[in-house]
Amino acid sequence: METLGDFIRAQPGHVSRSMYRDEANGWWIDHVAWEDAEAAERAMRRSQDAPELAGVFALIDLDFLRISHYQRVS
């Protein structure tokens, strides 16, 4: 996850990243804030082709992966 964090921090428009883990069920939340939706989308596209992230993505159970994009409302 450190490799993924390095990648995210290097992307234009990155604001912050926080990770959370629910010990009871082993679930994780990786919350990344971006300047705008376009920056988030560009980073997502770049991550899919980044060879340094292949090992990270191989460890993620895609059956449980949920990616959502939220807009601040208050």
N, C-alpha and C. Protein backbone atom coordinates (compact mmCIF):
# COMPACT_ATOMS: atom_id res chain seq x y z
N MET A 1 0.82 -1.19 0.00
CA MET A 1 0.00 0.00 0.00
C MET A 1 0.86 1.26 0.00
N GLU A 2 2.09 1.13 0.46
CA GLU A 2 3.00 2.27 0.41
C GLU A 2 3.29 2.65 -1.05
N THR A 3 3.43 1.65 -1.90
CA THR A 3 3.65 1.91 -3.33
C THR A 3 2.46 2.64 -3.93
N LEU A 4 1.25 2.22 -3.57
CA LEU A 4 0.05 2.89 -4.05
C LEU A 4 0.00 4.32 -3.52
N GLY A 5 0.35 4.51 -2.26
CA GLY A 5 0.36 5.85 -1.68
C GLY A 5 1.34 6.76 -2.39
N ASP A 6 2.52 6.24 -2.70
CA ASP A 6 3.51 7.04 -3.44
C ASP A 6 2.95 7.46 -4.80
N PHE A 7 2.29 6.52 -5.47
CA PHE A 7 1.71 6.81 -6.78
C PHE A 7 0.64 7.90 -6.65
N ILE A 8 -0.25 7.74 -5.69
CA ILE A 8 -1.35 8.69 -5.51
C ILE A 8 -0.81 10.09 -5.21
N ARG A 9 0.13 10.18 -4.28
CA ARG A 9 0.69 11.49 -3.90
C ARG A 9 1.35 12.20 -5.07
N ALA A 10 1.85 11.45 -6.04
CA ALA A 10 2.54 12.04 -7.19
C ALA A 10 1.56 12.53 -8.27
N GLN A 11 0.28 12.22 -8.13
CA GLN A 11 -0.69 12.59 -9.17
C GLN A 11 -1.15 14.04 -9.01
N PRO A 12 -1.24 14.76 -10.13
CA PRO A 12 -1.74 16.14 -10.08
C PRO A 12 -3.16 16.18 -9.49
N GLY A 13 -3.39 17.11 -8.61
CA GLY A 13 -4.72 17.28 -8.03
C GLY A 13 -4.93 16.51 -6.73
N HIS A 14 -3.93 15.73 -6.29
CA HIS A 14 -4.07 14.99 -5.04
C HIS A 14 -4.10 15.97 -3.87
N VAL A 15 -5.05 15.74 -2.94
CA VAL A 15 -5.16 16.60 -1.76
C VAL A 15 -4.75 15.83 -0.50
N SER A 16 -5.34 14.65 -0.28
CA SER A 16 -5.02 13.89 0.92
C SER A 16 -5.43 12.43 0.74
N ARG A 17 -4.90 11.58 1.63
CA ARG A 17 -5.24 10.17 1.63
C ARG A 17 -5.26 9.67 3.06
N SER A 18 -6.31 8.94 3.43
CA SER A 18 -6.43 8.32 4.75
C SER A 18 -6.90 6.89 4.56
N MET A 19 -6.34 5.98 5.36
CA MET A 19 -6.77 4.58 5.28
C MET A 19 -7.38 4.18 6.62
N TYR A 20 -8.44 3.38 6.54
CA TYR A 20 -9.15 2.91 7.71
C TYR A 20 -9.33 1.41 7.61
N ARG A 21 -9.31 0.73 8.76
CA ARG A 21 -9.51 -0.72 8.76
C ARG A 21 -10.49 -1.09 9.85
N ASP A 22 -11.46 -1.91 9.51
CA ASP A 22 -12.40 -2.48 10.47
C ASP A 22 -11.82 -3.81 10.93
N GLU A 23 -11.30 -3.85 12.13
CA GLU A 23 -10.65 -5.05 12.65
C GLU A 23 -11.61 -6.24 12.73
N ALA A 24 -12.89 -5.99 13.00
CA ALA A 24 -13.85 -7.08 13.19
C ALA A 24 -14.06 -7.90 11.92
N ASN A 25 -14.09 -7.25 10.76
CA ASN A 25 -14.34 -7.99 9.53
C ASN A 25 -13.20 -7.92 8.52
N GLY A 26 -12.15 -7.16 8.84
CA GLY A 26 -11.00 -7.08 7.95
C GLY A 26 -11.19 -6.18 6.75
N TRP A 27 -12.23 -5.37 6.75
CA TRP A 27 -12.48 -4.46 5.63
C TRP A 27 -11.61 -3.22 5.74
N TRP A 28 -11.31 -2.65 4.58
CA TRP A 28 -10.50 -1.45 4.50
C TRP A 28 -11.26 -0.36 3.76
N ILE A 29 -11.00 0.88 4.13
CA ILE A 29 -11.44 2.04 3.36
C ILE A 29 -10.20 2.86 3.06
N ASP A 30 -9.99 3.15 1.81
CA ASP A 30 -8.89 4.00 1.37
C ASP A 30 -9.54 5.27 0.83
N HIS A 31 -9.53 6.33 1.62
CA HIS A 31 -10.20 7.58 1.27
C HIS A 31 -9.18 8.55 0.69
N VAL A 32 -9.38 8.93 -0.56
CA VAL A 32 -8.48 9.86 -1.24
C VAL A 32 -9.27 11.08 -1.66
N ALA A 33 -8.79 12.25 -1.29
CA ALA A 33 -9.43 13.50 -1.69
C ALA A 33 -8.63 14.13 -2.83
N TRP A 34 -9.39 14.66 -3.79
CA TRP A 34 -8.81 15.28 -4.98
C TRP A 34 -9.33 16.70 -5.12
N GLU A 35 -8.60 17.52 -5.87
CA GLU A 35 -9.05 18.89 -6.13
C GLU A 35 -10.37 18.92 -6.87
N ASP A 36 -10.55 17.97 -7.78
CA ASP A 36 -11.80 17.90 -8.54
C ASP A 36 -11.96 16.50 -9.13
N ALA A 37 -13.13 16.25 -9.67
CA ALA A 37 -13.46 14.92 -10.22
C ALA A 37 -12.54 14.55 -11.38
N GLU A 38 -12.16 15.52 -12.18
CA GLU A 38 -11.29 15.24 -13.32
C GLU A 38 -9.93 14.70 -12.86
N ALA A 39 -9.37 15.28 -11.80
CA ALA A 39 -8.09 14.81 -11.28
C ALA A 39 -8.22 13.37 -10.79
N ALA A 40 -9.32 13.06 -10.11
CA ALA A 40 -9.54 11.70 -9.63
C ALA A 40 -9.64 10.71 -10.79
N GLU A 41 -10.37 11.09 -11.81
CA GLU A 41 -10.54 10.22 -12.97
C GLU A 41 -9.24 10.00 -13.73
N ARG A 42 -8.45 11.06 -13.87
CA ARG A 42 -7.15 10.92 -14.54
C ARG A 42 -6.24 9.97 -13.76
N ALA A 43 -6.20 10.13 -12.45
CA ALA A 43 -5.36 9.26 -11.62
C ALA A 43 -5.83 7.81 -11.71
N MET A 44 -7.13 7.59 -11.74
CA MET A 44 -7.67 6.23 -11.85
C MET A 44 -7.22 5.59 -13.16
N ARG A 45 -7.32 6.34 -14.24
CA ARG A 45 -6.89 5.81 -15.55
C ARG A 45 -5.40 5.50 -15.55
N ARG A 46 -4.60 6.40 -15.00
CA ARG A 46 -3.14 6.19 -14.96
C ARG A 46 -2.78 4.98 -14.12
N SER A 47 -3.52 4.77 -13.03
CA SER A 47 -3.19 3.65 -12.13
C SER A 47 -3.37 2.31 -12.82
N GLN A 48 -4.30 2.21 -13.75
CA GLN A 48 -4.58 0.95 -14.43
C GLN A 48 -3.42 0.51 -15.32
N ASP A 49 -2.60 1.45 -15.76
CA ASP A 49 -1.48 1.13 -16.65
C ASP A 49 -0.12 1.25 -15.96
N ALA A 50 -0.11 1.54 -14.66
CA ALA A 50 1.16 1.74 -13.95
C ALA A 50 1.76 0.40 -13.56
N PRO A 51 2.89 0.02 -14.15
CA PRO A 51 3.48 -1.28 -13.85
C PRO A 51 3.85 -1.46 -12.38
N GLU A 52 4.19 -0.37 -11.69
CA GLU A 52 4.57 -0.47 -10.28
C GLU A 52 3.39 -0.84 -9.37
N LEU A 53 2.16 -0.73 -9.90
CA LEU A 53 0.98 -1.05 -9.10
C LEU A 53 0.43 -2.45 -9.35
N ALA A 54 1.00 -3.16 -10.30
CA ALA A 54 0.49 -4.50 -10.63
C ALA A 54 0.49 -5.42 -9.41
N GLY A 55 1.54 -5.39 -8.61
CA GLY A 55 1.62 -6.24 -7.43
C GLY A 55 0.59 -5.87 -6.38
N VAL A 56 0.33 -4.57 -6.23
CA VAL A 56 -0.68 -4.10 -5.29
C VAL A 56 -2.06 -4.59 -5.72
N PHE A 57 -2.39 -4.37 -6.98
CA PHE A 57 -3.71 -4.74 -7.46
C PHE A 57 -3.92 -6.26 -7.44
N ALA A 58 -2.85 -7.02 -7.56
CA ALA A 58 -2.96 -8.48 -7.51
C ALA A 58 -3.39 -8.96 -6.12
N LEU A 59 -3.16 -8.16 -5.09
CA LEU A 59 -3.52 -8.53 -3.72
C LEU A 59 -4.95 -8.16 -3.34
N ILE A 60 -5.62 -7.41 -4.19
CA ILE A 60 -6.97 -6.92 -3.88
C ILE A 60 -8.00 -7.91 -4.41
N ASP A 61 -8.93 -8.29 -3.55
CA ASP A 61 -10.03 -9.18 -3.94
C ASP A 61 -11.08 -8.35 -4.69
N LEU A 62 -11.10 -8.46 -5.99
CA LEU A 62 -11.96 -7.63 -6.82
C LEU A 62 -13.45 -7.89 -6.60
N ASP A 63 -13.80 -9.05 -6.02
CA ASP A 63 -15.20 -9.32 -5.70
C ASP A 63 -15.72 -8.39 -4.61
N PHE A 64 -14.81 -7.83 -3.80
CA PHE A 64 -15.21 -6.97 -2.71
C PHE A 64 -14.82 -5.52 -2.91
N LEU A 65 -14.13 -5.22 -3.98
CA LEU A 65 -13.68 -3.85 -4.25
C LEU A 65 -14.86 -2.98 -4.66
N ARG A 66 -14.98 -1.83 -4.03
CA ARG A 66 -15.99 -0.84 -4.39
C ARG A 66 -15.28 0.49 -4.55
N ILE A 67 -15.46 1.11 -5.69
CA ILE A 67 -14.88 2.43 -5.94
C ILE A 67 -16.04 3.40 -6.12
N SER A 68 -16.03 4.45 -5.35
CA SER A 68 -17.10 5.45 -5.42
C SER A 68 -16.48 6.83 -5.50
N HIS A 69 -17.18 7.73 -6.14
CA HIS A 69 -16.76 9.12 -6.23
C HIS A 69 -17.87 9.97 -5.63
N TYR A 70 -17.51 10.77 -4.65
CA TYR A 70 -18.47 11.59 -3.93
C TYR A 70 -18.16 13.06 -4.14
N GLN A 71 -19.20 13.88 -4.13
CA GLN A 71 -19.05 15.33 -4.19
C GLN A 71 -19.40 15.91 -2.83
N ARG A 72 -18.58 16.82 -2.35
CA ARG A 72 -18.85 17.47 -1.06
C ARG A 72 -20.12 18.30 -1.18
N VAL A 73 -21.01 18.16 -0.20
CA VAL A 73 -22.27 18.90 -0.23
C VAL A 73 -22.39 19.92 0.91
N SER A 74 -21.50 19.87 1.88
CA SER A 74 -21.54 20.89 2.94
C SER A 74 -20.17 21.04 3.56
